[in-house]
Protein backbone atom coordinates (compact mmCIF):
# COMPACT_ATOMS: atom_id res chain seq x y z
CA MET A 1 -25.96 -27.91 -13.29
CA GLN A 2 -28.41 -28.98 -10.59
CA TYR A 3 -27.86 -29.90 -6.93
CA SER A 4 -27.11 -33.56 -7.72
CA SER A 5 -24.45 -32.51 -10.22
CA LEU A 6 -22.90 -30.19 -7.67
CA MET A 7 -22.81 -33.00 -5.14
CA ALA A 8 -21.07 -35.23 -7.68
CA ARG A 9 -18.49 -32.52 -8.28
CA ARG A 10 -17.88 -32.25 -4.54
CA GLU A 11 -17.05 -35.94 -4.35
CA THR A 12 -14.26 -35.51 -6.92
CA PRO A 13 -11.19 -34.33 -4.96
CA GLY A 14 -9.35 -31.38 -6.45
CA SER A 15 -11.96 -30.76 -9.14
CA PHE A 16 -12.48 -27.17 -8.00
CA THR A 17 -10.01 -25.08 -6.02
CA ASP A 18 -9.15 -21.41 -5.65
CA ILE A 19 -5.39 -22.11 -5.75
CA PRO A 20 -3.93 -21.78 -9.28
CA ALA A 21 -1.97 -24.97 -9.96
CA SER A 22 0.27 -23.32 -12.55
CA GLY A 23 0.36 -19.76 -11.24
CA TRP A 24 3.47 -17.67 -10.77
CA ILE A 25 3.89 -18.79 -7.16
CA ALA A 26 4.10 -22.46 -8.17
CA ARG A 27 6.47 -21.67 -11.03
CA TYR A 28 8.84 -19.06 -9.64
CA ALA A 29 8.57 -18.56 -5.87
CA PRO A 30 11.01 -20.28 -3.49
CA MET A 31 9.47 -23.37 -1.92
CA ARG A 32 9.61 -22.03 1.64
CA LEU A 33 7.80 -18.83 0.71
CA ARG A 34 5.00 -20.40 -1.28
CA PRO A 35 2.60 -21.12 1.62
CA TYR A 36 2.90 -17.53 2.85
CA LEU A 37 2.38 -16.04 -0.60
CA ARG A 38 -0.68 -18.25 -1.05
CA LEU A 39 -1.93 -17.30 2.42
CA ALA A 40 -1.84 -13.64 1.35
CA ARG A 41 -3.54 -14.58 -1.97
CA LEU A 42 -0.81 -12.81 -3.93
CA ASP A 43 -1.56 -15.05 -6.90
CA ARG A 44 -5.20 -13.91 -6.86
CA PRO A 45 -5.11 -10.09 -7.11
CA ILE A 46 -8.86 -9.56 -7.48
CA GLY A 47 -9.27 -9.20 -3.70
CA THR A 48 -6.64 -6.47 -3.59
CA TRP A 49 -8.38 -4.62 -6.40
CA LEU A 50 -11.75 -4.86 -4.64
CA LEU A 51 -10.19 -3.40 -1.50
CA LEU A 52 -8.30 -0.73 -3.43
CA TRP A 53 -11.05 0.62 -5.66
CA PRO A 54 -13.09 2.41 -2.96
CA CYS A 55 -9.82 4.04 -1.81
CA TRP A 56 -8.93 5.28 -5.28
CA TRP A 57 -12.50 6.36 -6.03
CA SER A 58 -12.55 8.42 -2.86
CA LEU A 59 -9.12 9.92 -3.51
CA ALA A 60 -10.26 10.91 -6.99
CA MET A 61 -13.53 12.43 -5.75
CA ALA A 62 -11.86 14.36 -2.95
CA SER A 63 -9.13 15.78 -5.19
CA PRO A 64 -9.80 18.82 -7.40
CA GLY A 65 -7.96 17.23 -10.31
CA TRP A 66 -5.71 14.22 -10.77
CA PRO A 67 -5.19 12.63 -7.34
CA ASP A 68 -1.78 12.76 -5.69
CA PRO A 69 0.27 9.89 -7.20
CA TRP A 70 1.97 9.29 -3.84
CA LEU A 71 -1.41 8.78 -2.20
CA LEU A 72 -2.46 6.44 -5.02
CA ALA A 73 0.74 4.43 -4.55
CA GLY A 74 0.44 4.43 -0.75
CA PHE A 75 -3.11 3.14 -0.84
CA ALA A 76 -2.09 0.49 -3.37
CA VAL A 77 0.64 -0.84 -1.11
CA GLY A 78 -1.67 -0.57 1.89
CA ALA A 79 -4.43 -2.48 0.12
CA LEU A 80 -1.99 -5.21 -0.88
CA SER A 81 -0.61 -5.65 2.63
CA MET A 82 -3.93 -5.32 4.49
CA ARG A 83 -5.69 -7.66 2.11
CA GLY A 84 -2.97 -10.20 2.83
CA ALA A 85 -3.29 -9.65 6.57
CA GLY A 86 -7.08 -9.96 6.33
CA CYS A 87 -6.79 -13.21 4.38
CA ALA A 88 -4.44 -14.62 7.01
CA TRP A 89 -6.87 -13.64 9.78
CA ASN A 90 -9.79 -15.11 7.85
CA ASP A 91 -7.95 -18.39 7.31
CA ILE A 92 -6.96 -18.60 10.97
CA ALA A 93 -10.56 -18.04 12.07
CA ASP A 94 -11.97 -20.44 9.44
CA ARG A 95 -9.33 -23.17 9.67
CA ASP A 96 -11.82 -25.78 10.94
CA TYR A 97 -14.26 -25.00 8.13
CA ASP A 98 -11.89 -24.55 5.19
CA GLY A 99 -10.80 -28.17 5.36
CA GLN A 100 -14.41 -29.24 4.77
CA VAL A 101 -14.98 -27.05 1.69
CA GLU A 102 -13.73 -28.28 -1.67
CA ARG A 103 -12.58 -24.88 -2.90
CA THR A 104 -10.58 -24.07 0.24
CA ARG A 105 -9.28 -27.38 1.61
CA GLY A 106 -5.93 -26.90 -0.16
CA ARG A 107 -5.18 -23.57 1.56
CA PRO A 108 -1.94 -23.43 3.58
CA ILE A 109 -3.44 -23.84 7.08
CA PRO A 110 -5.98 -26.66 6.53
CA SER A 111 -3.53 -28.50 4.27
CA GLY A 112 -0.87 -28.39 7.01
CA GLU A 113 1.72 -26.39 5.03
CA ILE A 114 2.02 -23.83 7.81
CA SER A 115 0.86 -23.65 11.44
CA VAL A 116 -1.57 -21.19 12.97
CA GLY A 117 1.33 -19.54 14.79
CA GLN A 118 3.28 -19.04 11.59
CA ALA A 119 0.20 -17.61 9.88
CA ALA A 120 -0.37 -15.23 12.81
CA ALA A 121 3.23 -13.99 12.69
CA PHE A 122 2.93 -13.34 8.95
CA MET A 123 -0.36 -11.52 9.53
CA VAL A 124 1.30 -9.19 12.05
CA PHE A 125 4.16 -8.52 9.62
CA LEU A 126 1.72 -7.50 6.87
CA ALA A 127 -0.37 -5.40 9.28
CA LEU A 128 2.74 -3.49 10.33
CA ILE A 129 3.39 -2.58 6.70
CA GLY A 130 -0.15 -1.20 6.49
CA LEU A 131 0.31 0.68 9.77
CA ASN A 132 3.52 2.26 8.52
CA ILE A 133 1.61 3.70 5.57
CA LEU A 134 -1.36 4.83 7.67
CA LEU A 135 0.90 6.78 10.07
CA ARG A 136 1.98 8.99 7.16
CA PHE A 137 -1.54 10.42 6.81
CA ASN A 138 -3.10 13.27 8.79
CA ALA A 139 -4.37 12.65 12.33
CA PHE A 140 -8.03 12.47 11.31
CA ALA A 141 -7.28 9.87 8.63
CA ILE A 142 -5.22 7.83 11.10
CA GLY A 143 -8.22 7.71 13.43
CA ILE A 144 -10.50 6.60 10.60
CA GLY A 145 -7.98 3.93 9.61
CA VAL A 146 -7.71 2.52 13.14
CA MET A 147 -11.51 2.24 13.32
CA SER A 148 -11.43 -0.08 10.29
CA LEU A 149 -9.92 -2.84 12.44
CA ALA A 150 -13.25 -3.62 14.13
CA PRO A 151 -15.13 -4.85 11.01
CA ILE A 152 -12.01 -6.69 9.82
CA VAL A 153 -11.81 -8.62 13.08
CA ILE A 154 -15.48 -9.57 13.31
CA TYR A 155 -16.15 -10.41 9.65
CA PRO A 156 -14.94 -14.06 9.62
CA PHE A 157 -17.35 -14.95 12.44
CA MET A 158 -20.48 -13.48 10.84
CA LYS A 159 -21.06 -16.47 8.53
CA ARG A 160 -21.72 -18.51 11.68
CA ILE A 161 -24.54 -16.29 12.96
CA THR A 162 -26.18 -14.43 10.06
CA TRP A 163 -27.36 -15.14 6.54
CA TRP A 164 -25.79 -11.83 5.47
CA PRO A 165 -22.04 -11.96 6.17
CA GLN A 166 -21.64 -10.16 2.84
CA ILE A 167 -22.90 -6.97 4.52
CA PHE A 168 -20.07 -7.15 7.04
CA LEU A 169 -17.57 -7.82 4.26
CA GLY A 170 -18.88 -4.69 2.53
CA VAL A 171 -18.47 -2.66 5.72
CA ALA A 172 -14.83 -3.79 5.97
CA PHE A 173 -13.85 -3.81 2.30
CA ASN A 174 -15.22 -0.36 1.47
CA TRP A 175 -13.72 1.50 4.43
CA GLY A 176 -11.28 3.05 1.99
CA ALA A 177 -14.11 5.22 0.68
CA LEU A 178 -13.96 7.03 4.02
CA LEU A 179 -10.20 6.81 4.50
CA GLY A 180 -9.30 8.13 1.06
CA TRP A 181 -11.43 11.23 1.50
CA ALA A 182 -10.04 11.79 5.00
CA ALA A 183 -6.46 11.46 3.72
CA VAL A 184 -7.06 14.25 1.18
CA ARG A 185 -9.33 16.65 3.08
CA GLY A 186 -8.91 15.78 6.75
CA ASP A 187 -12.66 15.46 7.29
CA LEU A 188 -15.73 13.53 6.15
CA GLY A 189 -18.94 14.57 4.46
CA ALA A 190 -22.04 13.25 2.73
CA ALA A 191 -20.21 12.39 -0.51
CA PRO A 192 -17.78 9.83 0.95
CA VAL A 193 -20.56 8.34 3.08
CA LEU A 194 -22.71 7.83 -0.03
CA LEU A 195 -19.70 6.37 -1.83
CA TYR A 196 -19.19 4.03 1.13
CA LEU A 197 -22.82 2.90 1.19
CA GLY A 198 -22.72 2.36 -2.57
CA GLY A 199 -19.63 0.22 -2.12
CA ILE A 200 -21.42 -1.92 0.45
CA ALA A 201 -24.29 -2.48 -2.02
CA TRP A 202 -21.74 -3.36 -4.72
CA THR A 203 -20.06 -5.86 -2.38
CA LEU A 204 -23.43 -7.45 -1.59
CA GLY A 205 -23.76 -8.17 -5.29
CA TYR A 206 -20.33 -9.47 -6.17
CA ASP A 207 -19.83 -11.47 -2.98
CA THR A 208 -23.23 -13.11 -3.33
CA ILE A 209 -22.08 -14.30 -6.75
CA TYR A 210 -18.81 -15.48 -5.18
CA ALA A 211 -20.61 -17.33 -2.37
CA HIS A 212 -22.57 -19.44 -4.86
CA GLN A 213 -19.34 -21.38 -5.49
CA ASP A 214 -19.51 -22.92 -2.01
CA LYS A 215 -23.22 -23.26 -1.38
CA VAL A 216 -23.25 -27.07 -1.38
CA ASP A 217 -20.39 -27.41 1.08
CA ASP A 218 -21.70 -24.49 3.13
CA ALA A 219 -25.08 -26.20 3.48
CA LEU A 220 -23.44 -29.43 4.64
CA ILE A 221 -21.30 -27.79 7.32
CA GLY A 222 -23.77 -25.11 8.43
CA ILE A 223 -22.14 -21.97 7.02
CA LYS A 224 -24.56 -19.16 6.15
CA SER A 225 -24.39 -16.79 3.19
CA SER A 226 -26.55 -14.51 1.09
CA ALA A 227 -26.19 -17.05 -1.75
CA ARG A 228 -27.86 -19.75 0.35
CA ARG A 229 -30.47 -17.33 1.68
CA LEU A 230 -31.47 -15.99 -1.74
CA GLY A 231 -31.14 -19.22 -3.73
CA SER A 232 -33.10 -19.00 -6.95
CA HIS A 233 -34.05 -15.39 -6.16
CA THR A 234 -30.44 -14.26 -6.51
CA ARG A 235 -30.74 -12.64 -9.94
CA PRO A 236 -33.46 -10.08 -9.10
CA MET A 237 -31.61 -9.20 -5.90
CA LEU A 238 -28.43 -8.64 -7.88
CA TRP A 239 -30.33 -6.07 -9.92
CA LEU A 240 -31.38 -4.42 -6.66
CA PHE A 241 -27.89 -4.43 -5.09
CA TYR A 242 -26.13 -3.21 -8.20
CA GLY A 243 -28.83 -0.65 -9.00
CA ALA A 244 -28.52 0.81 -5.49
CA ALA A 245 -24.74 0.99 -5.88
CA ILE A 246 -24.97 2.96 -9.12
CA ILE A 247 -27.53 5.40 -7.68
CA LEU A 248 -25.43 6.03 -4.57
CA PHE A 249 -22.26 6.50 -6.62
CA GLY A 250 -24.11 8.94 -8.85
CA LEU A 251 -25.37 10.94 -5.85
CA ALA A 252 -21.85 11.09 -4.42
CA GLY A 253 -20.54 12.49 -7.71
CA TRP A 254 -23.40 14.99 -7.87
CA LEU A 255 -22.57 16.28 -4.38
CA VAL A 256 -18.98 17.05 -5.38
CA GLU A 257 -20.25 18.64 -8.61
CA LEU A 258 -18.59 16.31 -11.07
CA GLN A 259 -19.23 17.18 -14.70
CA PRO A 260 -21.72 15.26 -16.94
CA LEU A 261 -18.94 13.07 -18.31
CA PHE A 262 -18.93 11.36 -14.91
CA LEU A 263 -22.53 10.24 -15.36
CA ALA A 264 -21.81 9.09 -18.91
CA GLY A 265 -18.91 6.97 -17.66
CA LEU A 266 -20.95 5.68 -14.73
CA ALA A 267 -23.64 4.56 -17.17
CA VAL A 268 -21.04 2.46 -19.00
CA ALA A 269 -19.89 1.02 -15.67
CA ALA A 270 -23.51 0.18 -14.84
CA LEU A 271 -23.72 -1.90 -18.00
CA GLN A 272 -20.86 -4.04 -16.70
CA LEU A 273 -22.75 -4.77 -13.47
CA PHE A 274 -26.00 -5.46 -15.26
CA TRP A 275 -24.17 -7.86 -17.57
CA GLN A 276 -22.99 -9.76 -14.50
CA ALA A 277 -26.49 -9.96 -13.07
CA ALA A 278 -28.05 -10.98 -16.37
CA GLN A 279 -25.48 -13.57 -17.42
CA VAL A 280 -24.19 -15.25 -14.26
CA ASN A 281 -24.95 -18.95 -13.90
CA ILE A 282 -25.27 -19.39 -10.15
CA ASN A 283 -24.98 -23.18 -10.48
CA ASP A 284 -21.64 -23.04 -12.29
CA PRO A 285 -18.78 -22.26 -9.87
CA ALA A 286 -16.37 -21.41 -12.67
CA ASP A 287 -18.79 -18.88 -14.14
CA CYS A 288 -19.46 -17.38 -10.70
CA LEU A 289 -15.72 -16.91 -10.23
CA ALA A 290 -15.35 -15.34 -13.67
CA LYS A 291 -18.19 -12.86 -13.05
CA PHE A 292 -16.77 -12.04 -9.63
CA ARG A 293 -13.33 -11.33 -11.09
CA SER A 294 -14.84 -9.09 -13.77
CA ASN A 295 -15.46 -6.46 -11.09
CA THR A 296 -11.90 -5.28 -11.68
CA TRP A 297 -13.19 -3.78 -14.93
CA PHE A 298 -16.06 -2.12 -13.11
CA GLY A 299 -13.58 -0.53 -10.73
CA TRP A 300 -11.55 0.91 -13.58
CA LEU A 301 -14.67 2.27 -15.27
CA VAL A 302 -15.83 4.10 -12.13
CA PHE A 303 -12.33 5.48 -11.48
CA LEU A 304 -12.02 6.79 -15.03
CA SER A 305 -15.54 8.23 -14.80
CA ILE A 306 -14.56 10.27 -11.73
CA LEU A 307 -11.43 11.55 -13.47
CA LEU A 308 -13.53 12.53 -16.49
CA GLY A 309 -15.94 14.29 -14.16
CA HIS A 310 -13.12 16.59 -13.05
CA ALA A 311 -12.06 17.36 -16.61
């Protein structure tokens, strides 16, 4: 599908959207709640998984055996609520742009389903849930968690000023690699920092794939992204991003003296990333979305690899 075909698709209203028309929200949720549930992307769990995985990886690395199930559950609820709050903030900041992009023009704020004030109130409600969980951790972890607010706040504005907003997304989305370790051990070290840097490289890969969905609209309205910057050079850079992620994850596991089964599992996980890079069609939005969503499987593979490394 070439540029002209993409332009033709853009001129067909509703031909590509990120809101499932027949998802569980449309089928089962009360009408008044639907805009808020969509605002939090509760019908699209991939974002929650991508936020959660660095947390769970770090918890697993920092723990001598199976990580504390209460910590796993707490981080899961925290990831769900903070992802929703982050989506609300992102939509508030991008409300003037989302209405001009085919994939996002049906979101609750640009479509007029809810006001900015209502979205802000919902964002605060979700953030308070996350804060309630954070305050149950040790003092050092609470400090690390509070520091995560800065990249969350600035991320939506980076696409206006840099070709690499995906780096800032990685900084925000992988903060759990630091927080999980701090929640278990009350400190930080080289291993969680390497895990964090590897997560940023991973995010650079998957979010570049994701950004290719919007490159036509982004070009028309002046939004920058790594997808637009790399263009036809995306595939070799995906190899670089994903390769760096695997190396950094491997070094983190080596520092905490995980057993060889960790490296065997990580090698299987690497195959999943390399499949993405080799097979993605950057001119097919549906394929980009499918490859992006497949990172849930990568997350599971890395998590299981760490658990095996402790065996």
